[in-house]
Amino acid sequence: MASGRPSNAAHQMSLFDLIDTVFPSAPAAPAASVAPAMAPTPVTERAPIRPPAPVAVAAPVASAEYRHAEADREIRLGDCLVAYRLRRARRRSIGFAISTEGLTVSAPRWVGVGDIDQALRDKSGWILRKLSEQRDRARRIDAARVEWRDGTSLPYLGDTLIVVLDPRVAGVHLNTDAEGLPGVPQRTLHVGLPQSAEPAQIRDAVQSWMQRQARTLFEQRCQYFAEQLGVRMTRLRLSSAQTRWGSASADGSIRLNWRLVHFGLPVIDYVVAHELAHLREMNHSPAFWDVVRSVIPDLDQRKAQLREPTLPLFD
């Protein structure tokens, strides 16, 4: 494959999409359709252009119950009771949509209940798997929510950061005095707010501090790897994107998601090197990966770490 920098400065390459184990957002599952004699018709969400990376999800639980918030019918599929919402619509097929609320079935007005039940049984494997995935996502979302208060913990540079509300402090100050003491968190973040501070105040102060730290660190790592790769970065911007870790444009500008600051330095370096390598190879060809491996030999292991944790929700 031909290599080299394209002449179109607007051309952009982005790192692979985030998956929901990193930023859980409980998306609706792609809809499935069953037509008695016609081609399937999607209901709510088209399948993604690129399939997401495999995610470990809980298998359907025996004797589980899945109930839509507005359920008006129910059916037993195997050992599971599924209460679903039935919508009559102007369409030519029976469609299934799985969301955080549960299962919605859309069917033409002329299709009988018996046909709908049979279609549900025919698709029972898909339905139960998607319902289980949605339940698993919901649990991970609940676990990722941050209770913004004194003593809350957050991942920072691959370690645990404890938030301490300390009105004696001006602004936000990172304390590492406890480093090396067994059983004691190595980092505490002292935030100059009273114990009575609102959760939103604490969140905003911590997030602003993390973004400042991210910019400083990313600039240092970009400068280092740009020299190693023989490329020139013209501009660095922080991103809050929910769908990608970073991107690179042929004009030399780099975007990096500030949430990378939750990871350890090896993972951050991988993403930085990945984006800077695009300034030499604006593609994902074997030549591109050779460029990345020239500075990150163990890139596969580092890349895998991006998929492991569930990061905190800053909401």
C-alpha atoms as a PDB file:
ATOM      1  CA  MET A   1       0.000   0.000   0.000  1.00  0.00           C
ATOM      2  CA  ALA A   2       1.287   3.418  -0.900  1.00  0.00           C
ATOM      3  CA  SER A   3       2.402   5.467   2.045  1.00  0.00           C
ATOM      4  CA  GLY A   4       3.015   9.097   2.695  1.00  0.00           C
ATOM      5  CA  ARG A   5       1.169  12.139   3.875  1.00  0.00           C
ATOM      6  CA  PRO A   6      -1.937  13.049   1.862  1.00  0.00           C
ATOM      7  CA  SER A   7      -2.186  16.499   0.415  1.00  0.00           C
ATOM      8  CA  ASN A   8      -5.684  17.137   1.775  1.00  0.00           C
ATOM      9  CA  ALA A   9      -5.102  18.821   5.152  1.00  0.00           C
ATOM     10  CA  ALA A  10      -8.682  18.159   6.206  1.00  0.00           C
ATOM     11  CA  HIS A  11      -8.230  14.418   5.986  1.00  0.00           C
ATOM     12  CA  GLN A  12      -8.393  12.859   9.423  1.00  0.00           C
ATOM     13  CA  MET A  13      -7.715   9.508  11.010  1.00  0.00           C
ATOM     14  CA  SER A  14      -9.186   8.500  14.338  1.00  0.00           C
ATOM     15  CA  LEU A  15      -8.317   5.820  16.835  1.00  0.00           C
ATOM     16  CA  PHE A  16     -10.780   2.948  17.167  1.00  0.00           C
ATOM     17  CA  ASP A  17     -14.121   3.643  18.763  1.00  0.00           C
ATOM     18  CA  LEU A  18     -14.584   3.463  22.503  1.00  0.00           C
ATOM     19  CA  ILE A  19     -16.589   0.570  23.747  1.00  0.00           C
ATOM     20  CA  ASP A  20     -19.205   0.651  26.422  1.00  0.00           C
ATOM     21  CA  THR A  21     -17.012  -0.934  29.047  1.00  0.00           C
ATOM     22  CA  VAL A  22     -15.096   2.315  29.065  1.00  0.00           C
ATOM     23  CA  PHE A  23     -17.854   4.872  28.795  1.00  0.00           C
ATOM     24  CA  PRO A  24     -21.030   2.976  29.585  1.00  0.00           C
ATOM     25  CA  SER A  25     -23.948   4.780  28.001  1.00  0.00           C
ATOM     26  CA  ALA A  26     -26.526   1.997  27.812  1.00  0.00           C
ATOM     27  CA  PRO A  27     -27.237   2.308  24.081  1.00  0.00           C
ATOM     28  CA  ALA A  28     -30.247   0.633  22.585  1.00  0.00           C
ATOM     29  CA  ALA A  29     -29.412  -2.694  20.993  1.00  0.00           C
ATOM     30  CA  PRO A  30     -29.724  -2.851  17.202  1.00  0.00           C
ATOM     31  CA  ALA A  31     -33.269  -3.786  16.313  1.00  0.00           C
ATOM     32  CA  ALA A  32     -34.092  -7.169  14.841  1.00  0.00           C
ATOM     33  CA  SER A  33     -36.967  -7.763  12.496  1.00  0.00           C
ATOM     34  CA  VAL A  34     -38.894 -10.843  11.472  1.00  0.00           C
ATOM     35  CA  ALA A  35     -41.135 -10.732   8.440  1.00  0.00           C
ATOM     36  CA  PRO A  36     -43.591 -13.509   7.650  1.00  0.00           C
ATOM     37  CA  ALA A  37     -42.678 -13.302   3.968  1.00  0.00           C
ATOM     38  CA  MET A  38     -40.641 -10.145   3.535  1.00  0.00           C
ATOM     39  CA  ALA A  39     -37.131  -8.842   4.161  1.00  0.00           C
ATOM     40  CA  PRO A  40     -36.275  -7.626   7.680  1.00  0.00           C
ATOM     41  CA  THR A  41     -36.849  -3.975   8.453  1.00  0.00           C
ATOM     42  CA  PRO A  42     -34.875  -2.239  11.234  1.00  0.00           C
ATOM     43  CA  VAL A  43     -36.932  -0.500  13.884  1.00  0.00           C
ATOM     44  CA  THR A  44     -34.863   1.914  15.922  1.00  0.00           C
ATOM     45  CA  GLU A  45     -31.129   1.661  15.353  1.00  0.00           C
ATOM     46  CA  ARG A  46     -29.107   0.539  12.371  1.00  0.00           C
ATOM     47  CA  ALA A  47     -26.203  -1.793  12.845  1.00  0.00           C
ATOM     48  CA  PRO A  48     -22.879   0.065  13.195  1.00  0.00           C
ATOM     49  CA  ILE A  49     -20.641   0.314  10.160  1.00  0.00           C
ATOM     50  CA  ARG A  50     -17.884  -1.339  12.160  1.00  0.00           C
ATOM     51  CA  PRO A  51     -18.797  -4.007  14.702  1.00  0.00           C
ATOM     52  CA  PRO A  52     -17.670  -3.170  18.247  1.00  0.00           C
ATOM     53  CA  ALA A  53     -14.951  -5.134  19.950  1.00  0.00           C
ATOM     54  CA  PRO A  54     -16.185  -8.202  21.839  1.00  0.00           C
ATOM     55  CA  VAL A  55     -17.445  -7.350  25.302  1.00  0.00           C
ATOM     56  CA  ALA A  56     -17.801  -9.889  28.077  1.00  0.00           C
ATOM     57  CA  VAL A  57     -21.440  -9.849  29.159  1.00  0.00           C
ATOM     58  CA  ALA A  58     -23.469 -11.886  31.562  1.00  0.00           C
ATOM     59  CA  ALA A  59     -25.320 -14.859  30.081  1.00  0.00           C
ATOM     60  CA  PRO A  60     -29.112 -14.859  30.428  1.00  0.00           C
ATOM     61  CA  VAL A  61     -29.941 -15.906  33.992  1.00  0.00           C
ATOM     62  CA  ALA A  62     -32.120 -18.949  34.476  1.00  0.00           C
ATOM     63  CA  SER A  63     -35.644 -18.016  35.570  1.00  0.00           C
ATOM     64  CA  ALA A  64     -34.856 -14.320  35.036  1.00  0.00           C
ATOM     65  CA  GLU A  65     -37.538 -11.730  34.484  1.00  0.00           C
ATOM     66  CA  TYR A  66     -37.232  -8.855  32.030  1.00  0.00           C
ATOM     67  CA  ARG A  67     -40.022  -6.299  32.226  1.00  0.00           C
ATOM     68  CA  HIS A  68     -40.496  -3.248  30.030  1.00  0.00           C
ATOM     69  CA  ALA A  69     -41.472  -0.089  31.897  1.00  0.00           C
ATOM     70  CA  GLU A  70     -44.645   0.122  29.766  1.00  0.00           C
ATOM     71  CA  ALA A  71     -45.252  -3.591  29.261  1.00  0.00           C
ATOM     72  CA  ASP A  72     -48.713  -4.632  28.106  1.00  0.00           C
ATOM     73  CA  ARG A  73     -47.989  -8.254  27.135  1.00  0.00           C
ATOM     74  CA  GLU A  74     -45.710 -11.007  28.363  1.00  0.00           C
ATOM     75  CA  ILE A  75     -44.337 -14.321  27.164  1.00  0.00           C
ATOM     76  CA  ARG A  76     -42.114 -17.033  28.599  1.00  0.00           C
ATOM     77  CA  LEU A  77     -39.012 -17.665  26.529  1.00  0.00           C
ATOM     78  CA  GLY A  78     -37.238 -20.709  27.902  1.00  0.00           C
ATOM     79  CA  ASP A  79     -36.819 -20.144  31.629  1.00  0.00           C
ATOM     80  CA  CYS A  80     -37.216 -16.361  31.332  1.00  0.00           C
ATOM     81  CA  LEU A  81     -40.376 -14.289  31.630  1.00  0.00           C
ATOM     82  CA  VAL A  82     -40.312 -11.356  29.206  1.00  0.00           C
ATOM     83  CA  ALA A  83     -42.890  -8.606  29.621  1.00  0.00           C
ATOM     84  CA  TYR A  84     -42.808  -6.387  26.549  1.00  0.00           C
ATOM     85  CA  ARG A  85     -44.483  -3.393  25.015  1.00  0.00           C
ATOM     86  CA  LEU A  86     -46.471  -4.083  21.831  1.00  0.00           C
ATOM     87  CA  ARG A  87     -46.794  -1.326  19.250  1.00  0.00           C
ATOM     88  CA  ARG A  88     -49.014  -1.570  16.225  1.00  0.00           C
ATOM     89  CA  ALA A  89     -47.424   0.295  13.364  1.00  0.00           C
ATOM     90  CA  ARG A  90     -47.667   0.834   9.632  1.00  0.00           C
ATOM     91  CA  ARG A  91     -44.913  -1.540   8.639  1.00  0.00           C
ATOM     92  CA  ARG A  92     -44.517  -4.787   6.726  1.00  0.00           C
ATOM     93  CA  SER A  93     -42.658  -6.872   9.289  1.00  0.00           C
ATOM     94  CA  ILE A  94     -42.438  -7.684  12.972  1.00  0.00           C
ATOM     95  CA  GLY A  95     -39.617  -5.755  14.584  1.00  0.00           C
ATOM     96  CA  PHE A  96     -37.876  -6.106  17.946  1.00  0.00           C
ATOM     97  CA  ALA A  97     -36.014  -3.291  19.713  1.00  0.00           C
ATOM     98  CA  ILE A  98     -34.076  -3.706  22.970  1.00  0.00           C
ATOM     99  CA  SER A  99     -33.446  -0.557  25.010  1.00  0.00           C
ATOM    100  CA  THR A 100     -32.746   0.309  28.629  1.00  0.00           C
ATOM    101  CA  GLU A 101     -36.520   0.142  29.200  1.00  0.00           C
ATOM    102  CA  GLY A 102     -36.814  -3.405  27.873  1.00  0.00           C
ATOM    103  CA  LEU A 103     -38.241  -5.123  24.804  1.00  0.00           C
ATOM    104  CA  THR A 104     -40.529  -3.311  22.382  1.00  0.00           C
ATOM    105  CA  VAL A 105     -42.265  -5.258  19.633  1.00  0.00           C
ATOM    106  CA  SER A 106     -43.547  -3.390  16.588  1.00  0.00           C
ATOM    107  CA  ALA A 107     -45.965  -5.295  14.372  1.00  0.00           C
ATOM    108  CA  PRO A 108     -48.307  -4.575  11.478  1.00  0.00           C
ATOM    109  CA  ARG A 109     -51.951  -4.264  12.435  1.00  0.00           C
ATOM    110  CA  TRP A 110     -52.868  -7.325  10.390  1.00  0.00           C
ATOM    111  CA  VAL A 111     -50.460  -9.687  12.204  1.00  0.00           C
ATOM    112  CA  GLY A 112     -52.141 -11.812  14.871  1.00  0.00           C
ATOM    113  CA  VAL A 113     -50.898 -12.266  18.431  1.00  0.00           C
ATOM    114  CA  GLY A 114     -50.112 -15.910  17.711  1.00  0.00           C
ATOM    115  CA  ASP A 115     -47.750 -14.905  14.893  1.00  0.00           C
ATOM    116  CA  ILE A 116     -46.088 -12.352  17.162  1.00  0.00           C
ATOM    117  CA  ASP A 117     -45.555 -14.965  19.878  1.00  0.00           C
ATOM    118  CA  GLN A 118     -44.065 -17.383  17.348  1.00  0.00           C
ATOM    119  CA  ALA A 119     -41.730 -14.676  16.039  1.00  0.00           C
ATOM    120  CA  LEU A 120     -40.610 -14.003  19.629  1.00  0.00           C
ATOM    121  CA  ARG A 121     -39.873 -17.688  20.151  1.00  0.00           C
ATOM    122  CA  ASP A 122     -37.965 -17.864  16.875  1.00  0.00           C
ATOM    123  CA  LYS A 123     -35.777 -14.960  17.966  1.00  0.00           C
ATOM    124  CA  SER A 124     -35.651 -15.902  21.647  1.00  0.00           C
ATOM    125  CA  GLY A 125     -31.875 -16.442  21.679  1.00  0.00           C
ATOM    126  CA  TRP A 126     -31.174 -12.967  20.286  1.00  0.00           C
ATOM    127  CA  ILE A 127     -33.798 -11.336  22.524  1.00  0.00           C
ATOM    128  CA  LEU A 128     -32.566 -12.926  25.757  1.00  0.00           C
ATOM    129  CA  ARG A 129     -28.943 -12.194  24.921  1.00  0.00           C
ATOM    130  CA  LYS A 130     -29.653  -8.512  24.236  1.00  0.00           C
ATOM    131  CA  LEU A 131     -31.825  -8.139  27.323  1.00  0.00           C
ATOM    132  CA  SER A 132     -29.023  -9.663  29.402  1.00  0.00           C
ATOM    133  CA  GLU A 133     -26.495  -7.282  27.830  1.00  0.00           C
ATOM    134  CA  GLN A 134     -28.691  -4.292  28.627  1.00  0.00           C
ATOM    135  CA  ARG A 135     -29.086  -5.410  32.239  1.00  0.00           C
ATOM    136  CA  ASP A 136     -25.325  -5.875  32.497  1.00  0.00           C
ATOM    137  CA  ARG A 137     -24.721  -2.382  31.068  1.00  0.00           C
ATOM    138  CA  ALA A 138     -27.167  -0.878  33.540  1.00  0.00           C
ATOM    139  CA  ARG A 139     -25.295  -2.486  36.437  1.00  0.00           C
ATOM    140  CA  ARG A 140     -21.979  -1.177  35.159  1.00  0.00           C
ATOM    141  CA  ILE A 141     -23.419   2.309  34.756  1.00  0.00           C
ATOM    142  CA  ASP A 142     -24.626   2.277  38.352  1.00  0.00           C
ATOM    143  CA  ALA A 143     -21.198   1.110  39.502  1.00  0.00           C
ATOM    144  CA  ALA A 144     -19.489   3.867  37.482  1.00  0.00           C
ATOM    145  CA  ARG A 145     -21.512   6.738  38.938  1.00  0.00           C
ATOM    146  CA  VAL A 146     -19.437   8.952  41.196  1.00  0.00           C
ATOM    147  CA  GLU A 147     -20.785  10.136  44.532  1.00  0.00           C
ATOM    148  CA  TRP A 148     -19.205  13.566  44.621  1.00  0.00           C
ATOM    149  CA  ARG A 149     -18.294  14.035  48.267  1.00  0.00           C
ATOM    150  CA  ASP A 150     -15.353  14.068  50.635  1.00  0.00           C
ATOM    151  CA  GLY A 151     -13.492  10.764  50.386  1.00  0.00           C
ATOM    152  CA  THR A 152     -14.688   9.703  46.939  1.00  0.00           C
ATOM    153  CA  SER A 153     -12.145   7.826  44.825  1.00  0.00           C
ATOM    154  CA  LEU A 154     -11.264   8.116  41.141  1.00  0.00           C
ATOM    155  CA  PRO A 155      -8.759   6.419  38.833  1.00  0.00           C
ATOM    156  CA  TYR A 156      -5.869   8.708  37.941  1.00  0.00           C
ATOM    157  CA  LEU A 157      -2.767   7.710  35.969  1.00  0.00           C
ATOM    158  CA  GLY A 158      -3.516   4.071  36.672  1.00  0.00           C
ATOM    159  CA  ASP A 159      -3.752   4.585  40.433  1.00  0.00           C
ATOM    160  CA  THR A 160      -6.459   5.528  42.940  1.00  0.00           C
ATOM    161  CA  LEU A 161      -6.999   9.195  43.726  1.00  0.00           C
ATOM    162  CA  ILE A 162      -8.881  10.133  46.911  1.00  0.00           C
ATOM    163  CA  VAL A 163     -10.745  13.447  46.926  1.00  0.00           C
ATOM    164  CA  VAL A 164     -10.376  15.414  50.174  1.00  0.00           C
ATOM    165  CA  LEU A 165     -12.472  18.521  50.793  1.00  0.00           C
ATOM    166  CA  ASP A 166     -10.125  20.952  52.514  1.00  0.00           C
ATOM    167  CA  PRO A 167     -11.213  24.616  52.827  1.00  0.00           C
ATOM    168  CA  ARG A 168      -7.671  25.538  53.962  1.00  0.00           C
ATOM    169  CA  VAL A 169      -6.410  24.878  50.429  1.00  0.00           C
ATOM    170  CA  ALA A 170      -6.562  27.466  47.671  1.00  0.00           C
ATOM    171  CA  GLY A 171      -7.768  25.750  44.515  1.00  0.00           C
ATOM    172  CA  VAL A 172      -6.826  22.104  44.053  1.00  0.00           C
ATOM    173  CA  HIS A 173      -3.618  20.488  45.273  1.00  0.00           C
ATOM    174  CA  LEU A 174      -2.292  16.950  44.698  1.00  0.00           C
ATOM    175  CA  ASN A 175      -0.713  15.400  47.781  1.00  0.00           C
ATOM    176  CA  THR A 176       1.552  12.355  47.481  1.00  0.00           C
ATOM    177  CA  ASP A 177       2.914  12.347  51.043  1.00  0.00           C
ATOM    178  CA  ALA A 178       1.366   8.936  51.750  1.00  0.00           C
ATOM    179  CA  GLU A 179       3.234   7.299  48.885  1.00  0.00           C
ATOM    180  CA  GLY A 180       4.801   4.025  49.909  1.00  0.00           C
ATOM    181  CA  LEU A 181       2.728   3.466  53.056  1.00  0.00           C
ATOM    182  CA  PRO A 182       1.060   0.030  52.971  1.00  0.00           C
ATOM    183  CA  GLY A 183      -2.709   0.124  52.739  1.00  0.00           C
ATOM    184  CA  VAL A 184      -2.815   3.910  52.274  1.00  0.00           C
ATOM    185  CA  PRO A 185      -3.822   5.503  48.932  1.00  0.00           C
ATOM    186  CA  GLN A 186      -0.764   7.050  47.343  1.00  0.00           C
ATOM    187  CA  ARG A 187      -2.519  10.138  46.023  1.00  0.00           C
ATOM    188  CA  THR A 188      -4.999  12.493  47.666  1.00  0.00           C
ATOM    189  CA  LEU A 189      -6.492  15.450  45.858  1.00  0.00           C
ATOM    190  CA  HIS A 190      -7.167  18.327  48.253  1.00  0.00           C
ATOM    191  CA  VAL A 191      -9.964  20.513  46.933  1.00  0.00           C
ATOM    192  CA  GLY A 192     -10.470  23.932  48.471  1.00  0.00           C
ATOM    193  CA  LEU A 193     -14.147  23.497  49.238  1.00  0.00           C
ATOM    194  CA  PRO A 194     -16.091  23.098  52.511  1.00  0.00           C
ATOM    195  CA  GLN A 195     -17.704  19.837  53.564  1.00  0.00           C
ATOM    196  CA  SER A 196     -21.052  21.383  52.658  1.00  0.00           C
ATOM    197  CA  ALA A 197     -20.063  21.880  48.994  1.00  0.00           C
ATOM    198  CA  GLU A 198     -22.574  20.792  46.380  1.00  0.00           C
ATOM    199  CA  PRO A 199     -21.704  17.667  44.353  1.00  0.00           C
ATOM    200  CA  ALA A 200     -21.618  19.720  41.143  1.00  0.00           C
ATOM    201  CA  GLN A 201     -19.023  22.075  42.689  1.00  0.00           C
ATOM    202  CA  ILE A 202     -16.791  19.160  43.635  1.00  0.00           C
ATOM    203  CA  ARG A 203     -17.185  17.529  40.243  1.00  0.00           C
ATOM    204  CA  ASP A 204     -16.365  20.708  38.336  1.00  0.00           C
ATOM    205  CA  ALA A 205     -13.286  21.425  40.447  1.00  0.00           C
ATOM    206  CA  VAL A 206     -11.927  17.891  40.064  1.00  0.00           C
ATOM    207  CA  GLN A 207     -12.699  17.706  36.356  1.00  0.00           C
ATOM    208  CA  SER A 208     -11.027  21.052  35.638  1.00  0.00           C
ATOM    209  CA  TRP A 209      -7.931  19.954  37.535  1.00  0.00           C
ATOM    210  CA  MET A 210      -7.781  16.640  35.689  1.00  0.00           C
ATOM    211  CA  GLN A 211      -8.110  18.362  32.323  1.00  0.00           C
ATOM    212  CA  ARG A 212      -5.243  20.719  33.168  1.00  0.00           C
ATOM    213  CA  GLN A 213      -3.088  17.784  34.213  1.00  0.00           C
ATOM    214  CA  ALA A 214      -4.027  15.927  31.048  1.00  0.00           C
ATOM    215  CA  ARG A 215      -2.978  18.816  28.794  1.00  0.00           C
ATOM    216  CA  THR A 216       0.386  19.217  30.518  1.00  0.00           C
ATOM    217  CA  LEU A 217       1.135  15.492  30.393  1.00  0.00           C
ATOM    218  CA  PHE A 218      -0.095  15.014  26.812  1.00  0.00           C
ATOM    219  CA  GLU A 219       2.029  17.910  25.573  1.00  0.00           C
ATOM    220  CA  GLN A 220       5.125  16.347  27.129  1.00  0.00           C
ATOM    221  CA  ARG A 221       4.435  12.894  25.699  1.00  0.00           C
ATOM    222  CA  CYS A 222       3.547  14.276  22.256  1.00  0.00           C
ATOM    223  CA  GLN A 223       6.810  16.208  22.130  1.00  0.00           C
ATOM    224  CA  TYR A 224       8.776  13.104  23.109  1.00  0.00           C
ATOM    225  CA  PHE A 225       7.167  10.757  20.573  1.00  0.00           C
ATOM    226  CA  ALA A 226       7.123  13.347  17.791  1.00  0.00           C
ATOM    227  CA  GLU A 227      10.903  13.471  18.059  1.00  0.00           C
ATOM    228  CA  GLN A 228      11.105   9.677  18.113  1.00  0.00           C
ATOM    229  CA  LEU A 229       8.931   9.350  15.008  1.00  0.00           C
ATOM    230  CA  GLY A 230      10.357  12.307  13.121  1.00  0.00           C
ATOM    231  CA  VAL A 231       7.023  14.109  12.743  1.00  0.00           C
ATOM    232  CA  ARG A 232       5.827  17.609  13.581  1.00  0.00           C
ATOM    233  CA  MET A 233       2.718  18.213  15.652  1.00  0.00           C
ATOM    234  CA  THR A 234       1.264  21.642  14.941  1.00  0.00           C
ATOM    235  CA  ARG A 235      -1.475  21.739  17.573  1.00  0.00           C
ATOM    236  CA  LEU A 236      -2.842  19.676  20.476  1.00  0.00           C
ATOM    237  CA  ARG A 237      -6.464  19.823  21.525  1.00  0.00           C
ATOM    238  CA  LEU A 238      -8.273  18.038  24.311  1.00  0.00           C
ATOM    239  CA  SER A 239     -11.402  16.125  23.439  1.00  0.00           C
ATOM    240  CA  SER A 240     -14.394  15.028  25.486  1.00  0.00           C
ATOM    241  CA  ALA A 241     -15.676  12.719  22.755  1.00  0.00           C
ATOM    242  CA  GLN A 242     -17.741   9.722  23.760  1.00  0.00           C
ATOM    243  CA  THR A 243     -16.768   7.674  20.714  1.00  0.00           C
ATOM    244  CA  ARG A 244     -13.005   7.920  20.272  1.00  0.00           C
ATOM    245  CA  TRP A 245      -9.753   8.208  22.173  1.00  0.00           C
ATOM    246  CA  GLY A 246      -7.985  10.465  19.725  1.00  0.00           C
ATOM    247  CA  SER A 247      -7.605  11.640  16.160  1.00  0.00           C
ATOM    248  CA  ALA A 248      -4.956  13.094  13.882  1.00  0.00           C
ATOM    249  CA  SER A 249      -5.220  15.422  10.896  1.00  0.00           C
ATOM    250  CA  ALA A 250      -2.792  15.665   8.026  1.00  0.00           C
ATOM    251  CA  ASP A 251      -2.072  19.297   8.941  1.00  0.00           C
ATOM    252  CA  GLY A 252      -0.332  18.032  12.084  1.00  0.00           C
ATOM    253  CA  SER A 253      -3.087  18.702  14.625  1.00  0.00           C
ATOM    254  CA  ILE A 254      -3.790  16.061  17.255  1.00  0.00           C
ATOM    255  CA  ARG A 255      -6.844  15.543  19.443  1.00  0.00           C
ATOM    256  CA  LEU A 256      -6.626  13.432  22.596  1.00  0.00           C
ATOM    257  CA  ASN A 257      -9.454  12.541  24.944  1.00  0.00           C
ATOM    258  CA  TRP A 258      -8.699  14.046  28.354  1.00  0.00           C
ATOM    259  CA  ARG A 259     -10.194  10.929  29.976  1.00  0.00           C
ATOM    260  CA  LEU A 260      -7.012   9.071  29.055  1.00  0.00           C
ATOM    261  CA  VAL A 261      -5.631  10.606  32.253  1.00  0.00           C
ATOM    262  CA  HIS A 262      -7.450   7.830  34.122  1.00  0.00           C
ATOM    263  CA  PHE A 263      -5.029   5.294  32.627  1.00  0.00           C
ATOM    264  CA  GLY A 264      -1.411   4.578  33.400  1.00  0.00           C
ATOM    265  CA  LEU A 265       1.386   6.178  31.380  1.00  0.00           C
ATOM    266  CA  PRO A 266       1.989   3.099  29.148  1.00  0.00           C
ATOM    267  CA  VAL A 267      -1.584   3.296  27.805  1.00  0.00           C
ATOM    268  CA  ILE A 268      -1.390   7.070  27.331  1.00  0.00           C
ATOM    269  CA  ASP A 269       1.889   6.655  25.438  1.00  0.00           C
ATOM    270  CA  TYR A 270       0.304   4.070  23.157  1.00  0.00           C
ATOM    271  CA  VAL A 271      -2.539   6.417  22.173  1.00  0.00           C
ATOM    272  CA  VAL A 272      -0.143   9.335  21.702  1.00  0.00           C
ATOM    273  CA  ALA A 273       2.175   7.258  19.507  1.00  0.00           C
ATOM    274  CA  HIS A 274      -0.802   5.894  17.577  1.00  0.00           C
ATOM    275  CA  GLU A 275      -2.041   9.350  16.655  1.00  0.00           C
ATOM    276  CA  LEU A 276       1.386  10.756  15.852  1.00  0.00           C
ATOM    277  CA  ALA A 277       2.123   7.740  13.643  1.00  0.00           C
ATOM    278  CA  HIS A 278      -0.767   8.880  11.453  1.00  0.00           C
ATOM    279  CA  LEU A 279       1.288  11.924  10.509  1.00  0.00           C
ATOM    280  CA  ARG A 280       3.494   9.465   8.637  1.00  0.00           C
ATOM    281  CA  GLU A 281       0.866   6.946   7.560  1.00  0.00           C
ATOM    282  CA  MET A 282      -2.664   8.354   7.269  1.00  0.00           C
ATOM    283  CA  ASN A 283      -4.187   4.871   7.291  1.00  0.00           C
ATOM    284  CA  HIS A 284      -4.198   1.642   9.274  1.00  0.00           C
ATOM    285  CA  SER A 285      -2.042  -0.329   6.866  1.00  0.00           C
ATOM    286  CA  PRO A 286       0.706  -2.750   7.938  1.00  0.00           C
ATOM    287  CA  ALA A 287       3.145   0.094   7.334  1.00  0.00           C
ATOM    288  CA  PHE A 288       1.273   2.210   9.857  1.00  0.00           C
ATOM    289  CA  TRP A 289       1.439  -0.460  12.549  1.00  0.00           C
ATOM    290  CA  ASP A 290       5.144  -0.881  11.851  1.00  0.00           C
ATOM    291  CA  VAL A 291       5.572   2.814  12.633  1.00  0.00           C
ATOM    292  CA  VAL A 292       3.693   2.450  15.924  1.00  0.00           C
ATOM    293  CA  ARG A 293       5.661  -0.666  16.883  1.00  0.00           C
ATOM    294  CA  SER A 294       8.918   1.134  16.262  1.00  0.00           C
ATOM    295  CA  VAL A 295       8.264   3.089  19.475  1.00  0.00           C
ATOM    296  CA  ILE A 296       5.657   0.885  21.226  1.00  0.00           C
ATOM    297  CA  PRO A 297       6.752  -2.743  20.692  1.00  0.00           C
ATOM    298  CA  ASP A 298       4.085  -4.140  23.053  1.00  0.00           C
ATOM    299  CA  LEU A 299       1.238  -2.128  21.533  1.00  0.00           C
ATOM    300  CA  ASP A 300      -1.192  -5.084  21.565  1.00  0.00           C
ATOM    301  CA  GLN A 301      -0.987  -5.412  25.347  1.00  0.00           C
ATOM    302  CA  ARG A 302      -1.364  -1.677  25.860  1.00  0.00           C
ATOM    303  CA  LYS A 303      -4.257  -1.459  23.425  1.00  0.00           C
ATOM    304  CA  ALA A 304      -6.048  -4.258  25.284  1.00  0.00           C
ATOM    305  CA  GLN A 305      -5.868  -2.267  28.528  1.00  0.00           C
ATOM    306  CA  LEU A 306      -8.083   0.407  27.010  1.00  0.00           C
ATOM    307  CA  ARG A 307     -10.945  -2.092  27.004  1.00  0.00           C
ATOM    308  CA  GLU A 308     -10.641  -3.323  30.561  1.00  0.00           C
ATOM    309  CA  PRO A 309     -11.953  -0.766  33.069  1.00  0.00           C
ATOM    310  CA  THR A 310     -15.238   1.026  33.471  1.00  0.00           C
ATOM    311  CA  LEU A 311     -14.353   4.671  33.920  1.00  0.00           C
ATOM    312  CA  PRO A 312     -16.251   6.986  36.257  1.00  0.00           C
ATOM    313  CA  LEU A 313     -19.205   8.951  34.925  1.00  0.00           C
ATOM    314  CA  PHE A 314     -18.754  12.696  35.306  1.00  0.00           C
ATOM    315  CA  ASP A 315     -22.453  13.581  35.415  1.00  0.00           C
END
